[in-house]
Amino acid sequence: MAQTKIMTQQEKTEIGLKAFELKAQGKPDECERMLKKIPLSPYLAKFVKEHFEYFGSDFFEKYGWNLAEAEAVYGSDWLTR
């Protein structure tokens, strides 16, 4: 599940703006998919992993979260450790 590309703030902003355009167009599912392209902050990803064990490590993959920044900080195997 390696997602190694670290996005710039500009790239994240552009994705966010596109997502909100989709929401305004009445496309909530497309909006959600677009927002999930923005990497979760490493802190948030680690918090979810540590405090919501019932989700399991496949939670992130199942729902399509971008973990590139967490993998850059914690290593590519951080979910399975």
N, C-alpha and C. Protein backbone atom coordinates (compact mmCIF):
# COMPACT_ATOMS: atom_id res chain seq x y z
N MET A 1 0.80 -1.18 0.00
CA MET A 1 0.00 0.00 0.00
C MET A 1 0.86 1.26 0.00
N ALA A 2 2.07 1.16 -0.45
CA ALA A 2 2.99 2.29 -0.42
C ALA A 2 2.48 3.44 -1.28
N GLN A 3 2.39 4.59 -0.66
CA GLN A 3 1.97 5.82 -1.32
C GLN A 3 3.02 6.86 -0.98
N THR A 4 4.10 6.88 -1.72
CA THR A 4 5.26 7.64 -1.29
C THR A 4 5.26 9.11 -1.69
N LYS A 5 4.38 9.55 -2.58
CA LYS A 5 4.41 10.93 -3.02
C LYS A 5 3.91 11.85 -1.91
N ILE A 6 4.76 12.79 -1.54
CA ILE A 6 4.38 13.79 -0.56
C ILE A 6 3.89 15.01 -1.34
N MET A 7 2.69 15.45 -1.04
CA MET A 7 2.09 16.57 -1.75
C MET A 7 2.50 17.90 -1.15
N THR A 8 2.58 18.88 -2.02
CA THR A 8 2.81 20.24 -1.54
C THR A 8 1.49 20.80 -1.02
N GLN A 9 1.58 21.88 -0.27
CA GLN A 9 0.37 22.52 0.23
C GLN A 9 -0.49 23.00 -0.93
N GLN A 10 0.13 23.46 -1.99
CA GLN A 10 -0.60 23.90 -3.18
C GLN A 10 -1.41 22.74 -3.79
N GLU A 11 -0.79 21.58 -3.90
CA GLU A 11 -1.49 20.41 -4.45
C GLU A 11 -2.69 20.03 -3.57
N LYS A 12 -2.48 20.05 -2.27
CA LYS A 12 -3.57 19.72 -1.34
C LYS A 12 -4.72 20.72 -1.47
N THR A 13 -4.37 21.99 -1.60
CA THR A 13 -5.39 23.03 -1.74
C THR A 13 -6.18 22.85 -3.02
N GLU A 14 -5.50 22.55 -4.11
CA GLU A 14 -6.18 22.34 -5.39
C GLU A 14 -7.15 21.17 -5.33
N ILE A 15 -6.73 20.10 -4.70
CA ILE A 15 -7.61 18.93 -4.54
C ILE A 15 -8.82 19.32 -3.68
N GLY A 16 -8.58 20.04 -2.61
CA GLY A 16 -9.68 20.46 -1.74
C GLY A 16 -10.68 21.34 -2.48
N LEU A 17 -10.18 22.25 -3.28
CA LEU A 17 -11.08 23.12 -4.04
C LEU A 17 -11.90 22.32 -5.05
N LYS A 18 -11.27 21.36 -5.71
CA LYS A 18 -12.00 20.51 -6.65
C LYS A 18 -13.08 19.71 -5.92
N ALA A 19 -12.73 19.23 -4.72
CA ALA A 19 -13.70 18.46 -3.94
C ALA A 19 -14.91 19.31 -3.58
N PHE A 20 -14.67 20.53 -3.16
CA PHE A 20 -15.79 21.40 -2.79
C PHE A 20 -16.62 21.79 -4.00
N GLU A 21 -16.00 21.88 -5.16
CA GLU A 21 -16.76 22.11 -6.39
C GLU A 21 -17.69 20.92 -6.66
N LEU A 22 -17.18 19.73 -6.47
CA LEU A 22 -18.01 18.54 -6.66
C LEU A 22 -19.18 18.52 -5.67
N LYS A 23 -18.90 18.90 -4.44
CA LYS A 23 -19.97 18.94 -3.44
C LYS A 23 -21.04 19.95 -3.86
N ALA A 24 -20.62 21.11 -4.34
CA ALA A 24 -21.56 22.14 -4.77
C ALA A 24 -22.40 21.68 -5.97
N GLN A 25 -21.82 20.76 -6.75
CA GLN A 25 -22.52 20.21 -7.91
C GLN A 25 -23.46 19.06 -7.52
N GLY A 26 -23.54 18.77 -6.23
CA GLY A 26 -24.41 17.70 -5.76
C GLY A 26 -23.81 16.32 -5.95
N LYS A 27 -22.48 16.23 -5.88
CA LYS A 27 -21.78 14.96 -6.06
C LYS A 27 -20.99 14.61 -4.80
N PRO A 28 -21.69 14.24 -3.73
CA PRO A 28 -21.01 13.99 -2.46
C PRO A 28 -20.04 12.81 -2.49
N ASP A 29 -20.36 11.76 -3.22
CA ASP A 29 -19.45 10.61 -3.27
C ASP A 29 -18.15 10.97 -3.97
N GLU A 30 -18.26 11.71 -5.06
CA GLU A 30 -17.06 12.14 -5.78
C GLU A 30 -16.24 13.10 -4.92
N CYS A 31 -16.93 13.95 -4.16
CA CYS A 31 -16.26 14.87 -3.25
C CYS A 31 -15.45 14.09 -2.22
N GLU A 32 -16.07 13.09 -1.62
CA GLU A 32 -15.39 12.28 -0.61
C GLU A 32 -14.16 11.58 -1.19
N ARG A 33 -14.32 11.00 -2.37
CA ARG A 33 -13.17 10.33 -3.01
C ARG A 33 -12.03 11.31 -3.28
N MET A 34 -12.38 12.51 -3.70
CA MET A 34 -11.36 13.53 -3.97
C MET A 34 -10.65 13.93 -2.68
N LEU A 35 -11.40 14.15 -1.60
CA LEU A 35 -10.78 14.54 -0.34
C LEU A 35 -9.85 13.47 0.21
N LYS A 36 -10.15 12.21 -0.05
CA LYS A 36 -9.30 11.12 0.44
C LYS A 36 -7.95 11.06 -0.28
N LYS A 37 -7.82 11.82 -1.35
CA LYS A 37 -6.53 11.89 -2.04
C LYS A 37 -5.53 12.75 -1.27
N ILE A 38 -6.06 13.61 -0.41
CA ILE A 38 -5.18 14.44 0.42
C ILE A 38 -4.66 13.56 1.55
N PRO A 39 -3.35 13.49 1.73
CA PRO A 39 -2.80 12.60 2.77
C PRO A 39 -3.29 12.97 4.17
N LEU A 40 -3.61 11.94 4.93
CA LEU A 40 -3.90 12.15 6.34
C LEU A 40 -2.62 12.60 7.01
N SER A 41 -2.74 13.46 7.98
CA SER A 41 -1.54 13.86 8.71
C SER A 41 -1.00 12.63 9.44
N PRO A 42 0.31 12.53 9.57
CA PRO A 42 0.87 11.37 10.28
C PRO A 42 0.30 11.21 11.68
N TYR A 43 0.14 12.33 12.39
CA TYR A 43 -0.39 12.26 13.75
C TYR A 43 -1.79 11.65 13.76
N LEU A 44 -2.65 12.12 12.86
CA LEU A 44 -4.03 11.62 12.83
C LEU A 44 -4.06 10.15 12.46
N ALA A 45 -3.27 9.75 11.47
CA ALA A 45 -3.24 8.34 11.06
C ALA A 45 -2.79 7.45 12.22
N LYS A 46 -1.75 7.89 12.93
CA LYS A 46 -1.25 7.11 14.06
C LYS A 46 -2.29 7.06 15.18
N PHE A 47 -2.95 8.17 15.44
CA PHE A 47 -3.97 8.22 16.48
C PHE A 47 -5.09 7.22 16.18
N VAL A 48 -5.57 7.21 14.94
CA VAL A 48 -6.63 6.29 14.56
C VAL A 48 -6.16 4.85 14.73
N LYS A 49 -4.94 4.58 14.29
CA LYS A 49 -4.42 3.21 14.41
C LYS A 49 -4.34 2.77 15.87
N GLU A 50 -3.86 3.65 16.74
CA GLU A 50 -3.63 3.28 18.13
C GLU A 50 -4.89 3.30 18.99
N HIS A 51 -5.85 4.13 18.68
CA HIS A 51 -7.01 4.30 19.56
C HIS A 51 -8.30 3.68 19.04
N PHE A 52 -8.26 3.23 17.83
CA PHE A 52 -9.46 2.62 17.26
C PHE A 52 -9.09 1.27 16.67
N GLU A 53 -8.53 0.39 17.52
CA GLU A 53 -8.03 -0.91 17.07
C GLU A 53 -9.10 -1.72 16.35
N TYR A 54 -10.35 -1.52 16.70
CA TYR A 54 -11.41 -2.31 16.09
C TYR A 54 -11.54 -2.03 14.59
N PHE A 55 -10.99 -0.90 14.12
CA PHE A 55 -10.99 -0.65 12.68
C PHE A 55 -10.05 -1.62 11.97
N GLY A 56 -8.94 -1.94 12.62
CA GLY A 56 -7.93 -2.79 12.00
C GLY A 56 -7.11 -2.02 10.99
N SER A 57 -5.96 -2.56 10.67
CA SER A 57 -5.06 -1.87 9.75
C SER A 57 -5.64 -1.78 8.34
N ASP A 58 -6.57 -2.66 8.01
CA ASP A 58 -7.15 -2.61 6.67
C ASP A 58 -8.18 -1.49 6.52
N PHE A 59 -8.53 -0.83 7.63
CA PHE A 59 -9.48 0.28 7.58
C PHE A 59 -9.03 1.35 6.59
N PHE A 60 -7.75 1.72 6.69
CA PHE A 60 -7.23 2.79 5.83
C PHE A 60 -7.29 2.39 4.36
N GLU A 61 -6.92 1.16 4.09
CA GLU A 61 -6.94 0.69 2.71
C GLU A 61 -8.37 0.52 2.20
N LYS A 62 -9.22 -0.04 3.04
CA LYS A 62 -10.61 -0.28 2.64
C LYS A 62 -11.30 1.00 2.23
N TYR A 63 -11.04 2.07 2.96
CA TYR A 63 -11.71 3.33 2.68
C TYR A 63 -10.88 4.29 1.84
N GLY A 64 -9.73 3.85 1.39
CA GLY A 64 -8.95 4.60 0.42
C GLY A 64 -8.22 5.83 0.92
N TRP A 65 -7.86 5.84 2.18
CA TRP A 65 -7.13 6.99 2.70
C TRP A 65 -5.70 7.03 2.18
N ASN A 66 -5.22 8.20 1.88
CA ASN A 66 -3.85 8.40 1.43
C ASN A 66 -2.96 8.49 2.67
N LEU A 67 -2.02 7.58 2.78
CA LEU A 67 -1.15 7.51 3.95
C LEU A 67 0.30 7.86 3.65
N ALA A 68 0.53 8.55 2.55
CA ALA A 68 1.90 8.85 2.12
C ALA A 68 2.70 9.57 3.19
N GLU A 69 2.11 10.54 3.85
CA GLU A 69 2.86 11.29 4.86
C GLU A 69 3.13 10.44 6.10
N ALA A 70 2.19 9.62 6.50
CA ALA A 70 2.41 8.73 7.65
C ALA A 70 3.50 7.72 7.32
N GLU A 71 3.50 7.19 6.10
CA GLU A 71 4.53 6.23 5.70
C GLU A 71 5.90 6.91 5.65
N ALA A 72 5.95 8.17 5.24
CA ALA A 72 7.22 8.89 5.20
C ALA A 72 7.79 9.09 6.60
N VAL A 73 6.90 9.32 7.57
CA VAL A 73 7.34 9.57 8.94
C VAL A 73 7.59 8.28 9.70
N TYR A 74 6.68 7.31 9.61
CA TYR A 74 6.74 6.11 10.43
C TYR A 74 7.31 4.88 9.73
N GLY A 75 7.50 4.95 8.42
CA GLY A 75 8.01 3.82 7.66
C GLY A 75 6.88 3.11 6.94
N SER A 76 7.21 2.42 5.88
CA SER A 76 6.19 1.79 5.04
C SER A 76 5.46 0.64 5.74
N ASP A 77 6.03 0.11 6.81
CA ASP A 77 5.41 -1.01 7.50
C ASP A 77 4.70 -0.60 8.81
N TRP A 78 4.46 0.67 8.99
CA TRP A 78 3.94 1.16 10.27
C TRP A 78 2.57 0.58 10.63
N LEU A 79 1.77 0.26 9.65
CA LEU A 79 0.44 -0.29 9.94
C LEU A 79 0.50 -1.69 10.51
N THR A 80 1.49 -2.45 10.13
CA THR A 80 1.57 -3.85 10.55
C THR A 80 2.43 -4.04 11.79
N ARG A 81 3.05 -3.00 12.27
CA ARG A 81 3.88 -3.11 13.48
C ARG A 81 3.04 -2.96 14.72
